[in-house]
Amino acid sequence: MAGEKRDGRQDRWSKHNQQRRQQIIDAAIAVIEAGEPGADVQVQQIAVRAGLSRTVIYRHFEDRADLDRAVQQAILDGLWSDLMPGITLDGTVPQIIERIIGTYVRWARAHPALHLAADHDIDGGDDGPFQQGMEQLAGRISGIVGTAVLALGGKPTEEEAEALDPLIYGLVGAVFGAVRRWLTRTGERLPAETLERLTAQSIWFVIDGHARGFGIELDPDLPLEELLSNDVLAV
């Protein structure tokens, strides 16, 4: 019984810590959203927003970098949860591209400060939340594109098939770079709708060009799912 009581207390304490940690992360995101994009956010601002002291915050995070990583991960989790449902085979290829890019651009326009915070290099390395999320997103798209290429009768060489992953990663990075540049440019900004259209067209041109190299003619007006078997759609 004594062990059960201790376990119960530990469970309640663990739940309390998780809730307090989330409270701090939510407060940090609120402070970032309320400020100018790219503005420095002080731990004291987060503490005030959370209704806590700086000391309490550092009980739940090892240091400022640990806090920043947790906040960045939370921001990106929100972005990925918006993007991932749109990465499907439903619609024509241009519609699929427009759906994904449109979702991303609208999110960035609604949350410019969060976008810059999510894209910030915290550790100076390649394994932060942003890079991990990029790899996850690119991997998801690569899997769908690779499946579609084979199902449509494409015959890429082993080298071309191997190049698909870095190619898709580069395209994803290019879209992120274009939106980052759009958000940070001074002066009159290009309308979001125009950015969506031109970016989507650019990605379509690249995909269509490579498809032709694989011996595939993509009809931009034909739904992709009509070209694929039920077995492929289930993948």
Protein backbone atom coordinates (compact mmCIF):
# COMPACT_ATOMS: atom_id res chain seq x y z
CA MET A 1 0.00 0.00 0.00
CA ALA A 2 2.84 2.38 0.87
CA GLY A 3 4.35 1.78 -2.55
CA GLU A 4 1.01 2.49 -4.23
CA LYS A 5 0.71 5.79 -2.31
CA ARG A 6 4.19 6.82 -3.37
CA ASP A 7 3.43 5.89 -6.97
CA GLY A 8 0.21 7.91 -6.80
CA ARG A 9 2.05 10.94 -5.50
CA GLN A 10 4.70 10.54 -8.17
CA ASP A 11 2.04 10.35 -10.90
CA ARG A 12 0.33 13.48 -9.60
CA TRP A 13 3.65 15.31 -9.34
CA SER A 14 4.64 14.23 -12.85
CA LYS A 15 1.29 15.43 -14.22
CA HIS A 16 1.71 18.73 -12.36
CA ASN A 17 5.18 19.19 -13.87
CA GLN A 18 3.90 18.46 -17.37
CA GLN A 19 1.07 20.96 -16.93
CA ARG A 20 3.44 23.61 -15.58
CA ARG A 21 5.88 23.00 -18.42
CA GLN A 22 3.07 23.38 -20.97
CA GLN A 23 1.92 26.54 -19.18
CA ILE A 24 5.38 28.05 -19.67
CA ILE A 25 5.55 27.01 -23.33
CA ASP A 26 2.09 28.47 -24.00
CA ALA A 27 3.12 31.72 -22.29
CA ALA A 28 6.28 31.94 -24.41
CA ILE A 29 4.29 31.44 -27.62
CA ALA A 30 1.82 34.14 -26.53
CA VAL A 31 4.68 36.58 -25.86
CA ILE A 32 6.23 35.83 -29.27
CA GLU A 33 2.87 36.33 -31.04
CA ALA A 34 2.28 39.63 -29.23
CA GLY A 35 5.64 41.07 -30.24
CA GLU A 36 7.20 42.14 -33.51
CA PRO A 37 8.52 39.30 -35.70
CA GLY A 38 12.13 38.61 -34.80
CA ALA A 39 12.01 40.58 -31.53
CA ASP A 40 14.04 39.26 -28.61
CA VAL A 41 11.93 37.59 -25.94
CA GLN A 42 13.18 37.73 -22.37
CA VAL A 43 12.57 34.97 -19.86
CA GLN A 44 11.10 37.58 -17.51
CA GLN A 45 8.43 38.38 -20.10
CA ILE A 46 7.53 34.70 -20.27
CA ALA A 47 7.47 34.46 -16.49
CA VAL A 48 5.11 37.42 -16.19
CA ARG A 49 2.81 36.02 -18.87
CA ALA A 50 2.77 32.62 -17.15
CA GLY A 51 2.26 34.15 -13.70
CA LEU A 52 5.42 32.49 -12.44
CA SER A 53 8.91 33.47 -11.35
CA ARG A 54 12.07 33.00 -13.41
CA THR A 55 13.23 30.50 -10.81
CA VAL A 56 10.17 28.32 -11.37
CA ILE A 57 10.72 28.40 -15.13
CA TYR A 58 14.26 27.14 -14.77
CA ARG A 59 13.06 24.29 -12.60
CA HIS A 60 11.36 22.90 -15.67
CA PHE A 61 14.03 23.68 -18.29
CA GLU A 62 17.78 23.12 -18.11
CA ASP A 63 18.63 26.50 -19.60
CA ARG A 64 17.39 29.10 -22.07
CA ALA A 65 18.32 26.92 -25.05
CA ASP A 66 16.26 24.04 -23.62
CA LEU A 67 13.29 26.38 -23.25
CA ASP A 68 13.73 27.74 -26.77
CA ARG A 69 13.87 24.23 -28.23
CA ALA A 70 10.66 23.24 -26.45
CA VAL A 71 8.89 26.38 -27.68
CA GLN A 72 10.16 25.87 -31.23
CA GLN A 73 9.01 22.25 -31.18
CA ALA A 74 5.53 23.31 -30.03
CA ILE A 75 5.28 25.92 -32.80
CA LEU A 76 6.38 23.43 -35.44
CA ASP A 77 4.02 20.75 -34.13
CA GLY A 78 1.19 23.18 -34.80
CA LEU A 79 2.44 23.89 -38.32
CA TRP A 80 2.99 20.21 -39.18
CA SER A 81 -0.48 19.31 -37.88
CA ASP A 82 -1.90 21.81 -40.40
CA LEU A 83 0.31 20.68 -43.29
CA MET A 84 0.35 16.89 -43.00
CA PRO A 85 -3.37 16.26 -43.70
CA GLY A 86 -3.00 18.02 -47.05
CA ILE A 87 -0.21 15.73 -48.24
CA THR A 88 -2.40 13.18 -49.99
CA LEU A 89 -3.06 11.95 -53.53
CA ASP A 90 -6.45 13.70 -53.75
CA GLY A 91 -6.82 16.05 -56.70
CA THR A 92 -4.67 16.96 -59.68
CA VAL A 93 -0.94 17.43 -59.18
CA PRO A 94 -1.21 21.25 -59.35
CA GLN A 95 -4.10 21.14 -56.87
CA ILE A 96 -2.08 19.02 -54.46
CA ILE A 97 0.83 21.44 -54.69
CA GLU A 98 -1.43 24.46 -54.27
CA ARG A 99 -3.17 22.87 -51.27
CA ILE A 100 0.07 22.27 -49.40
CA ILE A 101 1.68 25.61 -50.24
CA GLY A 102 -1.54 27.54 -49.65
CA THR A 103 -1.89 26.04 -46.18
CA TYR A 104 1.69 26.93 -45.35
CA VAL A 105 1.58 30.50 -46.67
CA ARG A 106 -1.69 31.21 -44.86
CA TRP A 107 -0.19 29.90 -41.61
CA ALA A 108 2.93 32.03 -42.09
CA ARG A 109 0.84 35.12 -42.86
CA ALA A 110 -1.26 34.56 -39.73
CA HIS A 111 1.77 33.85 -37.51
CA PRO A 112 4.81 35.75 -38.86
CA ALA A 113 6.51 35.99 -35.48
CA LEU A 114 6.03 32.28 -34.83
CA HIS A 115 7.41 31.47 -38.28
CA LEU A 116 10.64 33.34 -37.59
CA ALA A 117 10.93 31.78 -34.14
CA ALA A 118 10.40 28.29 -35.57
CA ASP A 119 13.04 28.90 -38.24
CA HIS A 120 15.61 30.24 -35.74
CA ASP A 121 18.80 28.18 -35.44
CA ILE A 122 19.12 27.58 -31.70
CA ASP A 123 22.14 25.30 -31.46
CA GLY A 124 23.96 26.02 -34.71
CA GLY A 125 23.53 22.40 -35.79
CA ASP A 126 21.50 20.31 -38.20
CA ASP A 127 19.44 18.30 -35.72
CA GLY A 128 17.11 20.92 -34.24
CA PRO A 129 13.29 20.76 -34.30
CA PHE A 130 13.09 22.73 -37.56
CA GLN A 131 15.48 20.45 -39.44
CA GLN A 132 13.81 17.35 -38.01
CA GLY A 133 10.41 18.63 -39.10
CA MET A 134 11.73 19.45 -42.57
CA GLU A 135 13.07 15.91 -42.91
CA GLN A 136 9.74 14.46 -41.75
CA LEU A 137 7.80 16.59 -44.23
CA ALA A 138 10.19 15.89 -47.10
CA GLY A 139 10.14 12.16 -46.30
CA ARG A 140 6.35 12.10 -46.42
CA ILE A 141 6.29 13.85 -49.78
CA SER A 142 9.14 11.70 -51.14
CA GLY A 143 7.22 8.55 -50.30
CA ILE A 144 4.13 9.73 -52.15
CA VAL A 145 6.09 10.99 -55.17
CA GLY A 146 8.14 7.80 -55.38
CA THR A 147 5.02 5.65 -55.24
CA ALA A 148 3.31 7.77 -57.89
CA VAL A 149 6.31 7.67 -60.23
CA LEU A 150 6.39 3.88 -60.20
CA ALA A 151 2.61 3.54 -60.44
CA LEU A 152 2.50 5.85 -63.44
CA GLY A 153 5.00 3.68 -65.28
CA GLY A 154 8.08 5.78 -64.72
CA LYS A 155 11.37 3.97 -64.98
CA PRO A 156 13.90 5.95 -62.96
CA THR A 157 17.40 4.55 -62.74
CA GLU A 158 18.68 3.49 -59.33
CA GLU A 159 20.66 6.72 -59.15
CA GLU A 160 17.61 8.83 -60.06
CA ALA A 161 15.47 7.06 -57.47
CA GLU A 162 18.16 7.67 -54.84
CA ALA A 163 18.26 11.36 -55.80
CA LEU A 164 14.53 11.76 -55.13
CA ASP A 165 14.95 12.33 -51.39
CA PRO A 166 17.48 15.20 -51.59
CA LEU A 167 15.56 16.68 -54.51
CA ILE A 168 12.30 16.79 -52.53
CA TYR A 169 14.12 18.08 -49.47
CA GLY A 170 15.59 20.84 -51.60
CA LEU A 171 12.16 21.78 -52.98
CA VAL A 172 10.68 21.91 -49.48
CA GLY A 173 13.60 24.04 -48.34
CA ALA A 174 13.14 26.36 -51.32
CA VAL A 175 9.49 26.95 -50.40
CA PHE A 176 10.41 27.69 -46.80
CA GLY A 177 13.16 30.02 -47.99
CA ALA A 178 10.80 31.89 -50.31
CA VAL A 179 8.24 32.41 -47.55
CA ARG A 180 10.96 33.44 -45.08
CA ARG A 181 12.22 36.03 -47.54
CA TRP A 182 8.65 37.22 -48.18
CA LEU A 183 8.02 37.70 -44.47
CA THR A 184 11.24 39.58 -43.76
CA ARG A 185 11.40 41.91 -46.77
CA THR A 186 10.93 45.57 -46.02
CA GLY A 187 8.73 47.82 -48.09
CA GLU A 188 5.62 46.81 -50.00
CA ARG A 189 5.01 43.09 -49.69
CA LEU A 190 3.85 40.82 -52.49
CA PRO A 191 0.23 39.72 -51.88
CA ALA A 192 0.03 36.30 -50.23
CA GLU A 193 -2.21 34.97 -52.98
CA THR A 194 0.38 35.90 -55.62
CA LEU A 195 3.14 34.26 -53.60
CA GLU A 196 1.06 31.08 -53.31
CA ARG A 197 0.35 30.99 -57.04
CA LEU A 198 3.90 31.67 -58.22
CA THR A 199 5.49 29.29 -55.71
CA ALA A 200 3.05 26.52 -56.61
CA GLN A 201 3.71 27.09 -60.32
CA SER A 202 7.46 26.90 -59.75
CA ILE A 203 7.14 23.56 -57.93
CA TRP A 204 4.83 22.25 -60.67
CA PHE A 205 7.37 23.17 -63.36
CA VAL A 206 10.11 21.25 -61.53
CA ILE A 207 7.94 18.17 -60.93
CA ASP A 208 6.57 18.18 -64.48
CA GLY A 209 10.06 18.52 -65.91
CA HIS A 210 11.43 15.61 -63.90
CA ALA A 211 8.36 13.51 -64.70
CA ARG A 212 9.07 13.97 -68.40
CA GLY A 213 12.63 12.84 -67.71
CA PHE A 214 11.17 9.64 -66.23
CA GLY A 215 8.99 9.17 -69.32
CA ILE A 216 5.77 10.36 -67.65
CA GLU A 217 3.36 12.88 -69.15
CA LEU A 218 1.42 14.51 -66.30
CA ASP A 219 -1.96 15.90 -67.29
CA PRO A 220 -2.44 18.95 -65.00
CA ASP A 221 -6.24 18.63 -65.31
CA LEU A 222 -6.52 14.92 -64.48
CA PRO A 223 -6.97 13.86 -60.82
CA LEU A 224 -3.94 11.85 -59.79
CA GLU A 225 -5.99 9.19 -58.01
CA GLU A 226 -7.63 8.27 -61.33
CA LEU A 227 -4.23 7.22 -62.65
CA LEU A 228 -3.40 5.00 -59.71
CA SER A 229 -4.71 1.62 -58.66
CA ASN A 230 -6.62 1.03 -55.44
CA ASP A 231 -3.61 -0.83 -54.10
CA VAL A 232 -1.42 2.23 -54.55
CA LEU A 233 -4.00 4.53 -52.98
CA ALA A 234 -3.99 2.33 -49.89
CA VAL A 235 -0.24 2.81 -49.36
